[in-house]
């Protein structure tokens, strides 16, 4: 199963400010996520830098494979599709509304020091 980039109107503004995204983007690998699942902007993106591959904990993905590290947050919503893969942008420097994104563990936040998690709405 692959992922395709698609504009999804969730009605939520997730980022207060985006200062930088990862250059060149990453190809998001869907893993066990069911077709049609929307992966929300602000989801933590784990990457394998040398291969430019990314994966997220969402849908059926509960484990992150060895060699992947948290890089930043998904910039746009994406939809899982069985026929496509998608290049995705990853925010590596910016400010996000923490209450509007999927939960992020403190130890993961510590590995993304340039992202500020705002408690405001």
PDB file of N, CA and C in Angstrom:
ATOM      1  N   UNK A   1       0.844  -1.167   0.000  1.00  0.00           N
ATOM      2  CA  UNK A   1       0.000   0.000   0.000  1.00  0.00           C
ATOM      3  C   UNK A   1       0.894   1.236   0.000  1.00  0.00           C
ATOM      4  N   UNK A   2       0.537   2.244  -0.751  1.00  0.00           N
ATOM      5  CA  UNK A   2       1.329   3.463  -0.847  1.00  0.00           C
ATOM      6  C   UNK A   2       0.500   4.647  -0.384  1.00  0.00           C
ATOM      7  N   UNK A   3       1.074   5.813  -0.499  1.00  0.00           N
ATOM      8  CA  UNK A   3       0.416   7.035  -0.070  1.00  0.00           C
ATOM      9  C   UNK A   3       0.429   8.028  -1.203  1.00  0.00           C
ATOM     10  N   UNK A   4      -0.639   8.787  -1.317  1.00  0.00           N
ATOM     11  CA  UNK A   4      -0.645   9.864  -2.294  1.00  0.00           C
ATOM     12  C   UNK A   4      -0.934  11.157  -1.559  1.00  0.00           C
ATOM     13  N   UNK A   5      -0.388  12.227  -2.064  1.00  0.00           N
ATOM     14  CA  UNK A   5      -0.640  13.524  -1.466  1.00  0.00           C
ATOM     15  C   UNK A   5      -1.981  14.016  -1.970  1.00  0.00           C
ATOM     16  N   UNK A   6      -2.807  14.459  -1.062  1.00  0.00           N
ATOM     17  CA  UNK A   6      -4.130  14.958  -1.416  1.00  0.00           C
ATOM     18  C   UNK A   6      -4.501  16.041  -0.425  1.00  0.00           C
ATOM     19  N   UNK A   7      -5.111  17.114  -0.915  1.00  0.00           N
ATOM     20  CA  UNK A   7      -5.568  18.156  -0.015  1.00  0.00           C
ATOM     21  C   UNK A   7      -6.805  17.671   0.705  1.00  0.00           C
ATOM     22  N   UNK A   8      -6.758  17.705   2.011  1.00  0.00           N
ATOM     23  CA  UNK A   8      -7.871  17.270   2.837  1.00  0.00           C
ATOM     24  C   UNK A   8      -8.241  18.437   3.724  1.00  0.00           C
ATOM     25  N   UNK A   9      -9.502  18.761   3.780  1.00  0.00           N
ATOM     26  CA  UNK A   9      -9.939  19.890   4.583  1.00  0.00           C
ATOM     27  C   UNK A   9     -10.353  19.414   5.968  1.00  0.00           C
ATOM     28  N   UNK A  10      -9.403  19.419   6.898  1.00  0.00           N
ATOM     29  CA  UNK A  10      -9.721  19.035   8.257  1.00  0.00           C
ATOM     30  C   UNK A  10     -10.271  20.217   9.041  1.00  0.00           C
ATOM     31  N   UNK A  11     -10.106  21.417   8.498  1.00  0.00           N
ATOM     32  CA  UNK A  11     -10.610  22.606   9.172  1.00  0.00           C
ATOM     33  C   UNK A  11      -9.720  23.093  10.298  1.00  0.00           C
ATOM     34  N   UNK A  12      -8.566  22.473  10.488  1.00  0.00           N
ATOM     35  CA  UNK A  12      -7.671  22.864  11.574  1.00  0.00           C
ATOM     36  C   UNK A  12      -6.432  23.570  11.025  1.00  0.00           C
ATOM     37  N   UNK A  13      -6.090  24.667  11.652  1.00  0.00           N
ATOM     38  CA  UNK A  13      -4.799  25.301  11.406  1.00  0.00           C
ATOM     39  C   UNK A  13      -3.865  24.675  12.426  1.00  0.00           C
ATOM     40  N   UNK A  14      -2.802  24.055  11.953  1.00  0.00           N
ATOM     41  CA  UNK A  14      -1.914  23.312  12.834  1.00  0.00           C
ATOM     42  C   UNK A  14      -0.664  24.103  13.194  1.00  0.00           C
ATOM     43  N   UNK A  15      -0.090  24.778  12.215  1.00  0.00           N
ATOM     44  CA  UNK A  15       1.162  25.493  12.446  1.00  0.00           C
ATOM     45  C   UNK A  15       0.924  26.977  12.642  1.00  0.00           C
ATOM     46  N   UNK A  16       1.559  27.524  13.652  1.00  0.00           N
ATOM     47  CA  UNK A  16       1.555  28.965  13.872  1.00  0.00           C
ATOM     48  C   UNK A  16       2.562  29.601  12.927  1.00  0.00           C
ATOM     49  N   UNK A  17       3.718  28.943  12.820  1.00  0.00           N
ATOM     50  CA  UNK A  17       4.785  29.454  11.947  1.00  0.00           C
ATOM     51  C   UNK A  17       5.629  28.272  11.481  1.00  0.00           C
ATOM     52  N   UNK A  18       6.017  28.309  10.227  1.00  0.00           N
ATOM     53  CA  UNK A  18       6.941  27.317   9.673  1.00  0.00           C
ATOM     54  C   UNK A  18       8.164  28.075   9.191  1.00  0.00           C
ATOM     55  N   UNK A  19       9.293  27.810   9.815  1.00  0.00           N
ATOM     56  CA  UNK A  19      10.542  28.474   9.441  1.00  0.00           C
ATOM     57  C   UNK A  19      11.343  27.684   8.424  1.00  0.00           C
ATOM     58  N   UNK A  20      11.232  26.343   8.510  1.00  0.00           N
ATOM     59  CA  UNK A  20      12.038  25.511   7.596  1.00  0.00           C
ATOM     60  C   UNK A  20      11.411  24.131   7.449  1.00  0.00           C
ATOM     61  N   UNK A  21      11.457  23.613   6.226  1.00  0.00           N
ATOM     62  CA  UNK A  21      11.086  22.223   5.975  1.00  0.00           C
ATOM     63  C   UNK A  21      12.328  21.494   5.486  1.00  0.00           C
ATOM     64  N   UNK A  22      12.347  20.187   5.628  1.00  0.00           N
ATOM     65  CA  UNK A  22      13.495  19.397   5.186  1.00  0.00           C
ATOM     66  C   UNK A  22      13.663  19.538   3.681  1.00  0.00           C
ATOM     67  N   UNK A  23      14.868  19.815   3.238  1.00  0.00           N
ATOM     68  CA  UNK A  23      15.158  19.988   1.826  1.00  0.00           C
ATOM     69  C   UNK A  23      14.962  18.688   1.062  1.00  0.00           C
ATOM     70  N   UNK A  24      14.321  18.767  -0.080  1.00  0.00           N
ATOM     71  CA  UNK A  24      14.182  17.616  -0.954  1.00  0.00           C
ATOM     72  C   UNK A  24      13.036  16.689  -0.624  1.00  0.00           C
ATOM     73  N   UNK A  25      12.436  16.852   0.531  1.00  0.00           N
ATOM     74  CA  UNK A  25      11.306  16.008   0.898  1.00  0.00           C
ATOM     75  C   UNK A  25      11.683  14.556   1.126  1.00  0.00           C
ATOM     76  N   UNK A  26      10.699  13.775   1.500  1.00  0.00           N
ATOM     77  CA  UNK A  26      10.868  12.358   1.785  1.00  0.00           C
ATOM     78  C   UNK A  26       9.718  11.596   1.152  1.00  0.00           C
ATOM     79  N   UNK A  27       9.933  10.329   0.850  1.00  0.00           N
ATOM     80  CA  UNK A  27       8.864   9.471   0.366  1.00  0.00           C
ATOM     81  C   UNK A  27       8.272   8.765   1.570  1.00  0.00           C
ATOM     82  N   UNK A  28       7.000   9.002   1.817  1.00  0.00           N
ATOM     83  CA  UNK A  28       6.318   8.418   2.962  1.00  0.00           C
ATOM     84  C   UNK A  28       5.878   7.007   2.620  1.00  0.00           C
ATOM     85  N   UNK A  29       6.299   6.046   3.439  1.00  0.00           N
ATOM     86  CA  UNK A  29       5.972   4.639   3.250  1.00  0.00           C
ATOM     87  C   UNK A  29       4.782   4.325   4.153  1.00  0.00           C
ATOM     88  N   UNK A  30       3.706   3.778   3.594  1.00  0.00           N
ATOM     89  CA  UNK A  30       2.459   3.599   4.338  1.00  0.00           C
ATOM     90  C   UNK A  30       2.471   2.447   5.325  1.00  0.00           C
ATOM     91  N   UNK A  31       3.312   1.445   5.120  1.00  0.00           N
ATOM     92  CA  UNK A  31       3.340   0.312   6.048  1.00  0.00           C
ATOM     93  C   UNK A  31       1.991  -0.382   6.132  1.00  0.00           C
ATOM     94  N   UNK A  32       1.449  -0.519   7.327  1.00  0.00           N
ATOM     95  CA  UNK A  32       0.185  -1.227   7.554  1.00  0.00           C
ATOM     96  C   UNK A  32      -1.022  -0.302   7.647  1.00  0.00           C
ATOM     97  N   UNK A  33      -0.902   0.927   7.228  1.00  0.00           N
ATOM     98  CA  UNK A  33      -2.004   1.869   7.340  1.00  0.00           C
ATOM     99  C   UNK A  33      -3.059   1.545   6.286  1.00  0.00           C
ATOM    100  N   UNK A  34      -4.329   1.389   6.685  1.00  0.00           N
ATOM    101  CA  UNK A  34      -5.388   1.037   5.720  1.00  0.00           C
ATOM    102  C   UNK A  34      -5.639   2.131   4.679  1.00  0.00           C
ATOM    103  N   UNK A  35      -6.003   1.681   3.470  1.00  0.00           N
ATOM    104  CA  UNK A  35      -6.343   2.597   2.373  1.00  0.00           C
ATOM    105  C   UNK A  35      -7.448   3.542   2.840  1.00  0.00           C
ATOM    106  N   UNK A  36      -7.309   4.816   2.468  1.00  0.00           N
ATOM    107  CA  UNK A  36      -8.307   5.824   2.811  1.00  0.00           C
ATOM    108  C   UNK A  36      -8.043   6.546   4.119  1.00  0.00           C
ATOM    109  N   UNK A  37      -7.068   6.073   4.888  1.00  0.00           N
ATOM    110  CA  UNK A  37      -6.737   6.729   6.158  1.00  0.00           C
ATOM    111  C   UNK A  37      -6.112   8.097   5.886  1.00  0.00           C
ATOM    112  N   UNK A  38      -6.572   9.101   6.616  1.00  0.00           N
ATOM    113  CA  UNK A  38      -5.987  10.436   6.535  1.00  0.00           C
ATOM    114  C   UNK A  38      -4.923  10.537   7.623  1.00  0.00           C
ATOM    115  N   UNK A  39      -3.717  10.860   7.201  1.00  0.00           N
ATOM    116  CA  UNK A  39      -2.637  11.115   8.158  1.00  0.00           C
ATOM    117  C   UNK A  39      -2.570  12.632   8.311  1.00  0.00           C
ATOM    118  N   UNK A  40      -2.817  13.090   9.527  1.00  0.00           N
ATOM    119  CA  UNK A  40      -2.969  14.517   9.777  1.00  0.00           C
ATOM    120  C   UNK A  40      -1.645  15.279   9.782  1.00  0.00           C
ATOM    121  N   UNK A  41      -1.724  16.516   9.309  1.00  0.00           N
ATOM    122  CA  UNK A  41      -0.596  17.430   9.448  1.00  0.00           C
ATOM    123  C   UNK A  41      -0.260  17.524  10.932  1.00  0.00           C
ATOM    124  N   UNK A  42       1.025  17.602  11.234  1.00  0.00           N
ATOM    125  CA  UNK A  42       1.461  17.669  12.623  1.00  0.00           C
ATOM    126  C   UNK A  42       1.836  16.323  13.200  1.00  0.00           C
ATOM    127  N   UNK A  43       1.617  15.242  12.437  1.00  0.00           N
ATOM    128  CA  UNK A  43       2.020  13.905  12.886  1.00  0.00           C
ATOM    129  C   UNK A  43       3.544  13.818  12.836  1.00  0.00           C
ATOM    130  N   UNK A  44       4.139  13.205  13.845  1.00  0.00           N
ATOM    131  CA  UNK A  44       5.602  13.045  13.869  1.00  0.00           C
ATOM    132  C   UNK A  44       6.034  12.160  12.705  1.00  0.00           C
ATOM    133  N   UNK A  45       7.057  12.619  11.995  1.00  0.00           N
ATOM    134  CA  UNK A  45       7.613  11.885  10.866  1.00  0.00           C
ATOM    135  C   UNK A  45       8.987  11.346  11.268  1.00  0.00           C
ATOM    136  N   UNK A  46       9.126  10.031  11.144  1.00  0.00           N
ATOM    137  CA  UNK A  46      10.396   9.361  11.411  1.00  0.00           C
ATOM    138  C   UNK A  46      11.043   9.086  10.064  1.00  0.00           C
ATOM    139  N   UNK A  47      12.332   9.358   9.953  1.00  0.00           N
ATOM    140  CA  UNK A  47      12.986   9.226   8.654  1.00  0.00           C
ATOM    141  C   UNK A  47      14.230   8.359   8.724  1.00  0.00           C
ATOM    142  N   UNK A  48      14.546   7.817   7.549  1.00  0.00           N
ATOM    143  CA  UNK A  48      15.824   7.155   7.313  1.00  0.00           C
ATOM    144  C   UNK A  48      16.504   8.073   6.298  1.00  0.00           C
ATOM    145  N   UNK A  49      17.298   8.973   6.817  1.00  0.00           N
ATOM    146  CA  UNK A  49      17.861  10.091   6.047  1.00  0.00           C
ATOM    147  C   UNK A  49      18.568   9.655   4.768  1.00  0.00           C
ATOM    148  N   UNK A  50      19.448   8.658   4.853  1.00  0.00           N
ATOM    149  CA  UNK A  50      20.250   8.270   3.687  1.00  0.00           C
ATOM    150  C   UNK A  50      19.400   7.733   2.539  1.00  0.00           C
ATOM    151  N   UNK A  51      18.221   7.201   2.838  1.00  0.00           N
ATOM    152  CA  UNK A  51      17.344   6.668   1.796  1.00  0.00           C
ATOM    153  C   UNK A  51      16.187   7.602   1.467  1.00  0.00           C
ATOM    154  N   UNK A  52      16.081   8.694   2.197  1.00  0.00           N
ATOM    155  CA  UNK A  52      15.008   9.689   2.025  1.00  0.00           C
ATOM    156  C   UNK A  52      13.627   9.048   2.190  1.00  0.00           C
ATOM    157  N   UNK A  53      13.526   8.089   3.117  1.00  0.00           N
ATOM    158  CA  UNK A  53      12.266   7.419   3.405  1.00  0.00           C
ATOM    159  C   UNK A  53      11.707   7.920   4.723  1.00  0.00           C
ATOM    160  N   UNK A  54      10.379   7.943   4.820  1.00  0.00           N
ATOM    161  CA  UNK A  54       9.703   8.392   6.032  1.00  0.00           C
ATOM    162  C   UNK A  54       8.595   7.420   6.394  1.00  0.00           C
ATOM    163  N   UNK A  55       8.267   7.384   7.688  1.00  0.00           N
ATOM    164  CA  UNK A  55       7.168   6.567   8.182  1.00  0.00           C
ATOM    165  C   UNK A  55       6.539   7.298   9.367  1.00  0.00           C
ATOM    166  N   UNK A  56       5.283   7.021   9.629  1.00  0.00           N
ATOM    167  CA  UNK A  56       4.583   7.643  10.751  1.00  0.00           C
ATOM    168  C   UNK A  56       3.897   6.562  11.580  1.00  0.00           C
ATOM    169  N   UNK A  57       3.621   6.887  12.850  1.00  0.00           N
ATOM    170  CA  UNK A  57       2.788   6.032  13.691  1.00  0.00           C
ATOM    171  C   UNK A  57       1.360   6.514  13.496  1.00  0.00           C
ATOM    172  N   UNK A  58       0.599   5.775  12.731  1.00  0.00           N
ATOM    173  CA  UNK A  58      -0.801   6.124  12.460  1.00  0.00           C
ATOM    174  C   UNK A  58      -1.485   4.881  11.921  1.00  0.00           C
ATOM    175  N   UNK A  59      -2.792   4.843  12.000  1.00  0.00           N
ATOM    176  CA  UNK A  59      -3.522   3.694  11.460  1.00  0.00           C
ATOM    177  C   UNK A  59      -2.969   2.397  12.001  1.00  0.00           C
ATOM    178  N   UNK A  60      -2.492   1.517  11.130  1.00  0.00           N
ATOM    179  CA  UNK A  60      -1.968   0.217  11.536  1.00  0.00           C
ATOM    180  C   UNK A  60      -0.508   0.223  11.926  1.00  0.00           C
ATOM    181  N   UNK A  61       0.190   1.326  11.765  1.00  0.00           N
ATOM    182  CA  UNK A  61       1.603   1.389  12.136  1.00  0.00           C
ATOM    183  C   UNK A  61       1.731   1.720  13.618  1.00  0.00           C
ATOM    184  N   UNK A  62       2.250   0.775  14.386  1.00  0.00           N
ATOM    185  CA  UNK A  62       2.433   1.019  15.811  1.00  0.00           C
ATOM    186  C   UNK A  62       3.896   1.034  16.209  1.00  0.00           C
ATOM    187  N   UNK A  63       4.739   0.480  15.369  1.00  0.00           N
ATOM    188  CA  UNK A  63       6.173   0.411  15.649  1.00  0.00           C
ATOM    189  C   UNK A  63       6.943   1.132  14.550  1.00  0.00           C
ATOM    190  N   UNK A  64       8.030   1.758  14.939  1.00  0.00           N
ATOM    191  CA  UNK A  64       8.916   2.410  13.979  1.00  0.00           C
ATOM    192  C   UNK A  64      10.116   1.490  13.776  1.00  0.00           C
ATOM    193  N   UNK A  65      10.408   1.115  12.517  1.00  0.00           N
ATOM    194  CA  UNK A  65      11.536   0.211  12.256  1.00  0.00           C
ATOM    195  C   UNK A  65      12.871   0.803  12.702  1.00  0.00           C
ATOM    196  N   UNK A  66      13.804  -0.076  12.989  1.00  0.00           N
ATOM    197  CA  UNK A  66      15.140   0.340  13.387  1.00  0.00           C
ATOM    198  C   UNK A  66      15.774   1.188  12.289  1.00  0.00           C
ATOM    199  N   UNK A  67      16.508   2.199  12.691  1.00  0.00           N
ATOM    200  CA  UNK A  67      17.192   3.059  11.737  1.00  0.00           C
ATOM    201  C   UNK A  67      16.434   4.332  11.409  1.00  0.00           C
ATOM    202  N   UNK A  68      15.179   4.451  11.836  1.00  0.00           N
ATOM    203  CA  UNK A  68      14.382   5.654  11.605  1.00  0.00           C
ATOM    204  C   UNK A  68      14.453   6.548  12.844  1.00  0.00           C
ATOM    205  N   UNK A  69      14.621   7.843  12.621  1.00  0.00           N
ATOM    206  CA  UNK A  69      14.680   8.793  13.734  1.00  0.00           C
ATOM    207  C   UNK A  69      13.615   9.874  13.540  1.00  0.00           C
ATOM    208  N   UNK A  70      13.105  10.461  14.635  1.00  0.00           N
ATOM    209  CA  UNK A  70      12.126  11.542  14.483  1.00  0.00           C
ATOM    210  C   UNK A  70      12.819  12.787  13.941  1.00  0.00           C
ATOM    211  N   UNK A  71      12.301  13.296  12.827  1.00  0.00           N
ATOM    212  CA  UNK A  71      12.913  14.472  12.203  1.00  0.00           C
ATOM    213  C   UNK A  71      12.089  15.718  12.442  1.00  0.00           C
ATOM    214  N   UNK A  72      10.772  15.596  12.320  1.00  0.00           N
ATOM    215  CA  UNK A  72       9.907  16.766  12.433  1.00  0.00           C
ATOM    216  C   UNK A  72       8.450  16.349  12.318  1.00  0.00           C
ATOM    217  N   UNK A  73       7.625  17.294  11.866  1.00  0.00           N
ATOM    218  CA  UNK A  73       6.186  17.084  11.784  1.00  0.00           C
ATOM    219  C   UNK A  73       5.702  17.173  10.339  1.00  0.00           C
ATOM    220  N   UNK A  74       4.739  16.339   9.995  1.00  0.00           N
ATOM    221  CA  UNK A  74       4.156  16.327   8.656  1.00  0.00           C
ATOM    222  C   UNK A  74       3.525  17.691   8.367  1.00  0.00           C
ATOM    223  N   UNK A  75       3.888  18.286   7.241  1.00  0.00           N
ATOM    224  CA  UNK A  75       3.423  19.629   6.899  1.00  0.00           C
ATOM    225  C   UNK A  75       1.976  19.648   6.418  1.00  0.00           C
ATOM    226  N   UNK A  76       1.597  18.684   5.593  1.00  0.00           N
ATOM    227  CA  UNK A  76       0.240  18.622   5.025  1.00  0.00           C
ATOM    228  C   UNK A  76      -0.423  17.310   5.415  1.00  0.00           C
ATOM    229  N   UNK A  77      -1.762  17.292   5.371  1.00  0.00           N
ATOM    230  CA  UNK A  77      -2.493  16.033   5.485  1.00  0.00           C
ATOM    231  C   UNK A  77      -2.209  15.199   4.240  1.00  0.00           C
ATOM    232  N   UNK A  78      -2.129  13.888   4.397  1.00  0.00           N
ATOM    233  CA  UNK A  78      -2.012  12.985   3.255  1.00  0.00           C
ATOM    234  C   UNK A  78      -3.002  11.839   3.435  1.00  0.00           C
ATOM    235  N   UNK A  79      -3.390  11.214   2.324  1.00  0.00           N
ATOM    236  CA  UNK A  79      -4.336  10.110   2.328  1.00  0.00           C
ATOM    237  C   UNK A  79      -3.642   8.858   1.804  1.00  0.00           C
ATOM    238  N   UNK A  80      -3.805   7.745   2.505  1.00  0.00           N
ATOM    239  CA  UNK A  80      -3.212   6.482   2.073  1.00  0.00           C
ATOM    240  C   UNK A  80      -3.977   5.973   0.860  1.00  0.00           C
ATOM    241  N   UNK A  81      -3.231   5.562  -0.163  1.00  0.00           N
ATOM    242  CA  UNK A  81      -3.808   5.070  -1.413  1.00  0.00           C
ATOM    243  C   UNK A  81      -2.950   3.901  -1.874  1.00  0.00           C
ATOM    244  N   UNK A  82      -3.554   2.860  -2.396  1.00  0.00           N
ATOM    245  CA  UNK A  82      -2.781   1.680  -2.774  1.00  0.00           C
ATOM    246  C   UNK A  82      -1.971   1.820  -4.051  1.00  0.00           C
ATOM    247  N   UNK A  83      -2.190   2.875  -4.825  1.00  0.00           N
ATOM    248  CA  UNK A  83      -1.535   2.964  -6.126  1.00  0.00           C
ATOM    249  C   UNK A  83      -0.449   4.027  -6.230  1.00  0.00           C
ATOM    250  N   UNK A  84      -0.221   4.771  -5.199  1.00  0.00           N
ATOM    251  CA  UNK A  84       0.728   5.879  -5.307  1.00  0.00           C
ATOM    252  C   UNK A  84       1.610   5.970  -4.076  1.00  0.00           C
ATOM    253  N   UNK A  85       2.722   6.663  -4.240  1.00  0.00           N
ATOM    254  CA  UNK A  85       3.518   7.069  -3.096  1.00  0.00           C
ATOM    255  C   UNK A  85       3.579   8.581  -3.148  1.00  0.00           C
ATOM    256  N   UNK A  86       3.938   9.179  -2.054  1.00  0.00           N
ATOM    257  CA  UNK A  86       3.917  10.636  -2.035  1.00  0.00           C
ATOM    258  C   UNK A  86       5.189  11.191  -1.436  1.00  0.00           C
ATOM    259  N   UNK A  87       5.690  12.220  -2.100  1.00  0.00           N
ATOM    260  CA  UNK A  87       6.754  12.989  -1.501  1.00  0.00           C
ATOM    261  C   UNK A  87       6.094  13.920  -0.494  1.00  0.00           C
ATOM    262  N   UNK A  88       6.601  13.947   0.719  1.00  0.00           N
ATOM    263  CA  UNK A  88       5.998  14.780   1.752  1.00  0.00           C
ATOM    264  C   UNK A  88       7.008  15.774   2.291  1.00  0.00           C
ATOM    265  N   UNK A  89       6.489  16.883   2.770  1.00  0.00           N
ATOM    266  CA  UNK A  89       7.320  17.895   3.408  1.00  0.00           C
ATOM    267  C   UNK A  89       7.282  17.692   4.911  1.00  0.00           C
ATOM    268  N   UNK A  90       8.432  17.868   5.528  1.00  0.00           N
ATOM    269  CA  UNK A  90       8.558  17.682   6.965  1.00  0.00           C
ATOM    270  C   UNK A  90       9.034  18.993   7.575  1.00  0.00           C
ATOM    271  N   UNK A  91       8.256  19.527   8.502  1.00  0.00           N
ATOM    272  CA  UNK A  91       8.624  20.757   9.192  1.00  0.00           C
ATOM    273  C   UNK A  91       9.688  20.411  10.230  1.00  0.00           C
ATOM    274  N   UNK A  92      10.858  21.064  10.124  1.00  0.00           N
ATOM    275  CA  UNK A  92      11.949  20.810  11.058  1.00  0.00           C
ATOM    276  C   UNK A  92      12.218  22.008  11.968  1.00  0.00           C
ATOM    277  N   UNK A  93      11.611  23.148  11.647  1.00  0.00           N
ATOM    278  CA  UNK A  93      11.786  24.356  12.454  1.00  0.00           C
ATOM    279  C   UNK A  93      10.500  25.160  12.357  1.00  0.00           C
ATOM    280  N   UNK A  94       9.855  25.366  13.482  1.00  0.00           N
ATOM    281  CA  UNK A  94       8.615  26.138  13.481  1.00  0.00           C
ATOM    282  C   UNK A  94       7.884  26.019  14.806  1.00  0.00           C
ATOM    283  N   UNK A  95       6.668  26.545  14.820  1.00  0.00           N
ATOM    284  CA  UNK A  95       5.825  26.515  16.009  1.00  0.00           C
ATOM    285  C   UNK A  95       4.501  25.868  15.644  1.00  0.00           C
ATOM    286  N   UNK A  96       4.040  24.937  16.476  1.00  0.00           N
ATOM    287  CA  UNK A  96       2.834  24.178  16.213  1.00  0.00           C
ATOM    288  C   UNK A  96       1.877  24.306  17.408  1.00  0.00           C
ATOM    289  N   UNK A  97       0.586  24.292  17.128  1.00  0.00           N
ATOM    290  CA  UNK A  97      -0.420  24.228  18.178  1.00  0.00           C
ATOM    291  C   UNK A  97      -0.448  22.787  18.694  1.00  0.00           C
ATOM    292  N   UNK A  98       0.125  22.541  19.847  1.00  0.00           N
ATOM    293  CA  UNK A  98       0.250  21.179  20.363  1.00  0.00           C
ATOM    294  C   UNK A  98      -1.099  20.493  20.566  1.00  0.00           C
ATOM    295  N   UNK A  99      -2.107  21.245  20.944  1.00  0.00           N
ATOM    296  CA  UNK A  99      -3.429  20.660  21.205  1.00  0.00           C
ATOM    297  C   UNK A  99      -4.190  20.291  19.941  1.00  0.00           C
ATOM    298  N   UNK A 100      -3.659  20.620  18.776  1.00  0.00           N
ATOM    299  CA  UNK A 100      -4.330  20.339  17.506  1.00  0.00           C
ATOM    300  C   UNK A 100      -3.692  19.202  16.718  1.00  0.00           C
ATOM    301  N   UNK A 101      -2.643  18.620  17.256  1.00  0.00           N
ATOM    302  CA  UNK A 101      -1.948  17.545  16.550  1.00  0.00           C
ATOM    303  C   UNK A 101      -2.013  16.257  17.368  1.00  0.00           C
ATOM    304  N   UNK A 102      -1.745  15.104  16.722  1.00  0.00           N
ATOM    305  CA  UNK A 102      -1.662  13.860  17.497  1.00  0.00           C
ATOM    306  C   UNK A 102      -0.587  13.990  18.578  1.00  0.00           C
ATOM    307  N   UNK A 103      -0.790  13.346  19.715  1.00  0.00           N
ATOM    308  CA  UNK A 103       0.132  13.458  20.847  1.00  0.00           C
ATOM    309  C   UNK A 103       1.572  13.131  20.498  1.00  0.00           C
ATOM    310  N   UNK A 104       2.474  13.873  21.117  1.00  0.00           N
ATOM    311  CA  UNK A 104       3.907  13.673  20.901  1.00  0.00           C
ATOM    312  C   UNK A 104       4.563  13.453  22.263  1.00  0.00           C
ATOM    313  N   UNK A 105       5.237  12.332  22.427  1.00  0.00           N
ATOM    314  CA  UNK A 105       5.909  12.011  23.685  1.00  0.00           C
ATOM    315  C   UNK A 105       7.041  13.004  23.953  1.00  0.00           C
ATOM    316  N   UNK A 106       7.298  13.250  25.228  1.00  0.00           N
ATOM    317  CA  UNK A 106       8.345  14.201  25.622  1.00  0.00           C
ATOM    318  C   UNK A 106       9.713  13.802  25.073  1.00  0.00           C
ATOM    319  N   UNK A 107      10.026  12.496  25.067  1.00  0.00           N
ATOM    320  CA  UNK A 107      11.343  12.072  24.563  1.00  0.00           C
ATOM    321  C   UNK A 107      11.471  12.296  23.060  1.00  0.00           C
ATOM    322  N   UNK A 108      10.344  12.288  22.336  1.00  0.00           N
ATOM    323  CA  UNK A 108      10.363  12.574  20.895  1.00  0.00           C
ATOM    324  C   UNK A 108      10.522  14.080  20.682  1.00  0.00           C
ATOM    325  N   UNK A 109       9.811  14.875  21.469  1.00  0.00           N
ATOM    326  CA  UNK A 109       9.956  16.338  21.382  1.00  0.00           C
ATOM    327  C   UNK A 109      11.407  16.747  21.590  1.00  0.00           C
ATOM    328  N   UNK A 110      12.085  16.094  22.512  1.00  0.00           N
ATOM    329  CA  UNK A 110      13.477  16.424  22.813  1.00  0.00           C
ATOM    330  C   UNK A 110      14.396  16.207  21.617  1.00  0.00           C
ATOM    331  N   UNK A 111      13.992  15.336  20.687  1.00  0.00           N
ATOM    332  CA  UNK A 111      14.799  15.066  19.500  1.00  0.00           C
ATOM    333  C   UNK A 111      14.485  16.015  18.351  1.00  0.00           C
ATOM    334  N   UNK A 112      13.523  16.943  18.586  1.00  0.00           N
ATOM    335  CA  UNK A 112      13.152  17.951  17.582  1.00  0.00           C
ATOM    336  C   UNK A 112      13.229  19.333  18.236  1.00  0.00           C
ATOM    337  N   UNK A 113      14.444  19.780  18.599  1.00  0.00           N
ATOM    338  CA  UNK A 113      14.597  20.994  19.403  1.00  0.00           C
ATOM    339  C   UNK A 113      14.180  22.300  18.722  1.00  0.00           C
ATOM    340  N   UNK A 114      14.072  22.301  17.407  1.00  0.00           N
ATOM    341  CA  UNK A 114      13.712  23.538  16.707  1.00  0.00           C
ATOM    342  C   UNK A 114      12.207  23.684  16.524  1.00  0.00           C
ATOM    343  N   UNK A 115      11.443  22.724  17.020  1.00  0.00           N
ATOM    344  CA  UNK A 115       9.984  22.834  16.945  1.00  0.00           C
ATOM    345  C   UNK A 115       9.470  23.223  18.317  1.00  0.00           C
ATOM    346  N   UNK A 116       8.732  24.329  18.353  1.00  0.00           N
ATOM    347  CA  UNK A 116       8.125  24.796  19.594  1.00  0.00           C
ATOM    348  C   UNK A 116       6.688  24.300  19.636  1.00  0.00           C
ATOM    349  N   UNK A 117       6.304  23.690  20.742  1.00  0.00           N
ATOM    350  CA  UNK A 117       4.966  23.161  20.927  1.00  0.00           C
ATOM    351  C   UNK A 117       4.184  24.137  21.791  1.00  0.00           C
ATOM    352  N   UNK A 118       3.301  24.914  21.158  1.00  0.00           N
ATOM    353  CA  UNK A 118       2.520  25.932  21.858  1.00  0.00           C
ATOM    354  C   UNK A 118       1.281  25.313  22.476  1.00  0.00           C
ATOM    355  N   UNK A 119       1.027  25.648  23.738  1.00  0.00           N
ATOM    356  CA  UNK A 119      -0.158  25.150  24.449  1.00  0.00           C
ATOM    357  C   UNK A 119      -1.402  25.989  24.140  1.00  0.00           C
ATOM    358  N   UNK A 120      -1.229  27.103  23.432  1.00  0.00           N
ATOM    359  CA  UNK A 120      -2.393  27.945  23.088  1.00  0.00           C
ATOM    360  C   UNK A 120      -3.244  27.249  22.032  1.00  0.00           C
ATOM    361  N   UNK A 121      -4.452  27.734  21.872  1.00  0.00           N
ATOM    362  CA  UNK A 121      -5.359  27.135  20.889  1.00  0.00           C
ATOM    363  C   UNK A 121      -5.328  27.936  19.620  1.00  0.00           C
TER     364      UNK A 121
END
